[in-house]
C-alpha atoms as a PDB file:
ATOM      1  CA  MET A   1      48.382 -50.156 -35.610  1.00  0.00           C
ATOM      2  CA  THR A   2      47.950 -51.075 -39.259  1.00  0.00           C
ATOM      3  CA  MET A   3      47.259 -48.578 -41.988  1.00  0.00           C
ATOM      4  CA  ASP A   4      44.431 -49.093 -44.421  1.00  0.00           C
ATOM      5  CA  PRO A   5      46.172 -49.900 -47.720  1.00  0.00           C
ATOM      6  CA  HIS A   6      43.316 -48.223 -49.583  1.00  0.00           C
ATOM      7  CA  PRO A   7      42.343 -45.228 -47.413  1.00  0.00           C
ATOM      8  CA  LEU A   8      40.395 -43.569 -50.206  1.00  0.00           C
ATOM      9  CA  ALA A   9      38.234 -46.628 -50.915  1.00  0.00           C
ATOM     10  CA  PRO A  10      35.133 -45.383 -49.031  1.00  0.00           C
ATOM     11  CA  ALA A  11      35.241 -41.970 -50.748  1.00  0.00           C
ATOM     12  CA  LEU A  12      35.736 -43.542 -54.178  1.00  0.00           C
ATOM     13  CA  ALA A  13      32.881 -45.983 -53.638  1.00  0.00           C
ATOM     14  CA  ALA A  14      30.578 -43.172 -52.483  1.00  0.00           C
ATOM     15  CA  ALA A  15      31.474 -41.072 -55.526  1.00  0.00           C
ATOM     16  CA  GLU A  16      30.781 -43.957 -57.905  1.00  0.00           C
ATOM     17  CA  GLU A  17      27.483 -44.673 -56.158  1.00  0.00           C
ATOM     18  CA  ALA A  18      26.523 -41.012 -56.657  1.00  0.00           C
ATOM     19  CA  GLY A  19      27.136 -41.307 -60.409  1.00  0.00           C
ATOM     20  CA  TRP A  20      30.595 -39.753 -60.524  1.00  0.00           C
ATOM     21  CA  THR A  21      33.393 -41.011 -62.742  1.00  0.00           C
ATOM     22  CA  VAL A  22      36.380 -41.977 -60.586  1.00  0.00           C
ATOM     23  CA  LEU A  23      39.813 -41.539 -62.148  1.00  0.00           C
ATOM     24  CA  ARG A  24      42.665 -43.250 -60.298  1.00  0.00           C
ATOM     25  CA  LEU A  25      46.093 -41.689 -60.791  1.00  0.00           C
ATOM     26  CA  ASP A  26      48.469 -44.182 -59.165  1.00  0.00           C
ATOM     27  CA  LEU A  27      51.991 -42.754 -59.141  1.00  0.00           C
ATOM     28  CA  ASP A  28      53.631 -45.674 -57.349  1.00  0.00           C
ATOM     29  CA  GLY A  29      57.085 -46.146 -58.879  1.00  0.00           C
ATOM     30  CA  VAL A  30      56.909 -42.958 -60.967  1.00  0.00           C
ATOM     31  CA  ARG A  31      60.239 -41.120 -60.778  1.00  0.00           C
ATOM     32  CA  THR A  32      60.461 -39.291 -64.121  1.00  0.00           C
ATOM     33  CA  LYS A  33      58.374 -36.711 -65.927  1.00  0.00           C
ATOM     34  CA  ALA A  34      58.002 -39.040 -68.922  1.00  0.00           C
ATOM     35  CA  ARG A  35      56.589 -41.803 -66.731  1.00  0.00           C
ATOM     36  CA  LEU A  36      54.360 -39.243 -64.973  1.00  0.00           C
ATOM     37  CA  MET A  37      52.885 -38.170 -68.312  1.00  0.00           C
ATOM     38  CA  ASP A  38      52.339 -41.834 -69.231  1.00  0.00           C
ATOM     39  CA  ALA A  39      50.553 -42.404 -65.907  1.00  0.00           C
ATOM     40  CA  CYS A  40      48.332 -39.370 -66.538  1.00  0.00           C
ATOM     41  CA  ALA A  41      47.558 -40.515 -70.079  1.00  0.00           C
ATOM     42  CA  GLN A  42      46.475 -43.897 -68.774  1.00  0.00           C
ATOM     43  CA  ALA A  43      44.572 -42.704 -65.698  1.00  0.00           C
ATOM     44  CA  PHE A  44      42.601 -40.052 -67.566  1.00  0.00           C
ATOM     45  CA  ALA A  45      42.216 -42.114 -70.775  1.00  0.00           C
ATOM     46  CA  LEU A  46      43.671 -39.125 -72.616  1.00  0.00           C
ATOM     47  CA  PRO A  47      43.229 -38.960 -76.399  1.00  0.00           C
ATOM     48  CA  ASP A  48      46.037 -39.846 -78.805  1.00  0.00           C
ATOM     49  CA  TRP A  49      46.723 -36.159 -79.441  1.00  0.00           C
ATOM     50  CA  PHE A  50      47.858 -35.642 -75.809  1.00  0.00           C
ATOM     51  CA  GLY A  51      51.328 -34.076 -76.177  1.00  0.00           C
ATOM     52  CA  ARG A  52      52.772 -35.425 -72.901  1.00  0.00           C
ATOM     53  CA  ASN A  53      53.712 -32.005 -71.509  1.00  0.00           C
ATOM     54  CA  TRP A  54      52.228 -29.695 -68.886  1.00  0.00           C
ATOM     55  CA  ASP A  55      50.322 -27.454 -71.300  1.00  0.00           C
ATOM     56  CA  ALA A  56      48.806 -30.466 -73.056  1.00  0.00           C
ATOM     57  CA  LEU A  57      47.788 -32.005 -69.725  1.00  0.00           C
ATOM     58  CA  ALA A  58      46.146 -28.753 -68.640  1.00  0.00           C
ATOM     59  CA  ASP A  59      44.337 -28.502 -71.987  1.00  0.00           C
ATOM     60  CA  CYS A  60      43.074 -32.076 -71.731  1.00  0.00           C
ATOM     61  CA  LEU A  61      41.851 -31.647 -68.162  1.00  0.00           C
ATOM     62  CA  GLY A  62      39.956 -28.558 -69.299  1.00  0.00           C
ATOM     63  CA  ASP A  63      38.150 -30.606 -71.968  1.00  0.00           C
ATOM     64  CA  LEU A  64      37.397 -34.191 -70.825  1.00  0.00           C
ATOM     65  CA  SER A  65      34.840 -34.589 -73.636  1.00  0.00           C
ATOM     66  CA  TRP A  66      36.042 -38.170 -74.260  1.00  0.00           C
ATOM     67  CA  LEU A  67      34.984 -39.300 -70.788  1.00  0.00           C
ATOM     68  CA  PRO A  68      31.493 -40.670 -70.282  1.00  0.00           C
ATOM     69  CA  GLY A  69      28.872 -38.299 -68.953  1.00  0.00           C
ATOM     70  CA  ALA A  70      28.758 -38.189 -65.194  1.00  0.00           C
ATOM     71  CA  ALA A  71      27.434 -36.179 -62.273  1.00  0.00           C
ATOM     72  CA  GLY A  72      31.044 -35.275 -61.549  1.00  0.00           C
ATOM     73  CA  ARG A  73      34.599 -36.538 -61.750  1.00  0.00           C
ATOM     74  CA  LEU A  74      36.810 -37.482 -58.831  1.00  0.00           C
ATOM     75  CA  VAL A  75      40.568 -37.799 -59.336  1.00  0.00           C
ATOM     76  CA  ALA A  76      42.246 -39.962 -56.681  1.00  0.00           C
ATOM     77  CA  VAL A  77      46.017 -39.508 -56.532  1.00  0.00           C
ATOM     78  CA  THR A  78      47.926 -42.250 -54.745  1.00  0.00           C
ATOM     79  CA  GLY A  79      51.544 -43.378 -54.485  1.00  0.00           C
ATOM     80  CA  TRP A  80      52.892 -39.850 -55.054  1.00  0.00           C
ATOM     81  CA  GLN A  81      55.583 -39.836 -52.356  1.00  0.00           C
ATOM     82  CA  GLU A  82      58.370 -41.288 -54.493  1.00  0.00           C
ATOM     83  CA  LEU A  83      57.695 -38.743 -57.242  1.00  0.00           C
ATOM     84  CA  GLU A  84      57.767 -35.929 -54.691  1.00  0.00           C
ATOM     85  CA  ARG A  85      61.213 -37.082 -53.500  1.00  0.00           C
ATOM     86  CA  ALA A  86      62.648 -37.717 -56.978  1.00  0.00           C
ATOM     87  CA  ARG A  87      61.065 -34.798 -58.857  1.00  0.00           C
ATOM     88  CA  PRO A  88      59.674 -32.254 -56.376  1.00  0.00           C
ATOM     89  CA  GLY A  89      59.242 -29.626 -59.090  1.00  0.00           C
ATOM     90  CA  ASP A  90      57.167 -31.958 -61.257  1.00  0.00           C
ATOM     91  CA  TRP A  91      55.066 -32.990 -58.263  1.00  0.00           C
ATOM     92  CA  GLU A  92      54.356 -29.330 -57.522  1.00  0.00           C
ATOM     93  CA  VAL A  93      53.425 -28.580 -61.150  1.00  0.00           C
ATOM     94  CA  LEU A  94      51.117 -31.601 -61.245  1.00  0.00           C
ATOM     95  CA  ARG A  95      49.379 -30.397 -58.104  1.00  0.00           C
ATOM     96  CA  GLU A  96      48.940 -26.935 -59.652  1.00  0.00           C
ATOM     97  CA  VAL A  97      47.559 -28.359 -62.910  1.00  0.00           C
ATOM     98  CA  LEU A  98      45.071 -30.497 -60.984  1.00  0.00           C
ATOM     99  CA  GLU A  99      44.042 -27.577 -58.756  1.00  0.00           C
ATOM    100  CA  GLU A 100      43.508 -25.324 -61.780  1.00  0.00           C
ATOM    101  CA  ALA A 101      41.455 -28.015 -63.528  1.00  0.00           C
ATOM    102  CA  GLY A 102      39.280 -28.388 -60.441  1.00  0.00           C
ATOM    103  CA  ALA A 103      38.773 -24.619 -60.234  1.00  0.00           C
ATOM    104  CA  TYR A 104      37.899 -24.453 -63.936  1.00  0.00           C
ATOM    105  CA  TRP A 105      35.245 -27.172 -63.647  1.00  0.00           C
ATOM    106  CA  ARG A 106      33.754 -25.681 -60.473  1.00  0.00           C
ATOM    107  CA  GLU A 107      33.157 -22.428 -62.391  1.00  0.00           C
ATOM    108  CA  SER A 108      31.921 -24.071 -65.608  1.00  0.00           C
ATOM    109  CA  GLU A 109      28.519 -25.354 -66.593  1.00  0.00           C
ATOM    110  CA  GLY A 110      29.867 -28.912 -66.802  1.00  0.00           C
ATOM    111  CA  PRO A 111      30.157 -31.545 -64.112  1.00  0.00           C
ATOM    112  CA  PRO A 112      32.640 -30.717 -61.345  1.00  0.00           C
ATOM    113  CA  LEU A 113      36.108 -32.221 -61.096  1.00  0.00           C
ATOM    114  CA  GLU A 114      37.477 -32.779 -57.610  1.00  0.00           C
ATOM    115  CA  VAL A 115      40.898 -34.097 -56.617  1.00  0.00           C
ATOM    116  CA  VAL A 116      41.805 -36.082 -53.514  1.00  0.00           C
ATOM    117  CA  VAL A 117      45.382 -36.980 -52.627  1.00  0.00           C
ATOM    118  CA  ALA A 118      45.992 -39.983 -50.395  1.00  0.00           C
ATOM    119  CA  ALA A 119      47.861 -39.010 -47.255  1.00  0.00           C
ATOM    120  CA  ALA A 120      51.456 -40.075 -46.844  1.00  0.00           C
ATOM    121  CA  ARG A 121      51.966 -43.178 -44.799  1.00  0.00           C
ATOM    122  CA  PRO A 122      53.602 -42.578 -41.409  1.00  0.00           C
END
């Protein structure tokens, strides 16, 4: 049995077809908090004022005004397993920040933000 190397591809394509902005947070090879913040800055096209810490990430994900208008935003997190092993606390905080951002946008008047995390490979 072979695993699909891109298991989220159908969901991402469907989201884009529906007018959503898809943000890909690929954490493959990320083993430090500094590299994690760099990956987030790149994936979310964060503004220059992003402070590369948890509070700044939460603030940015609660704004997103620099992203193009969309029906919604889908964050696809892949390659997270190495980070979870190397920095389990940072992985947990990232998950919390993403969950809180999703909850915020579901309750706001703006477009929703949903997060999908690719399953671990067997």
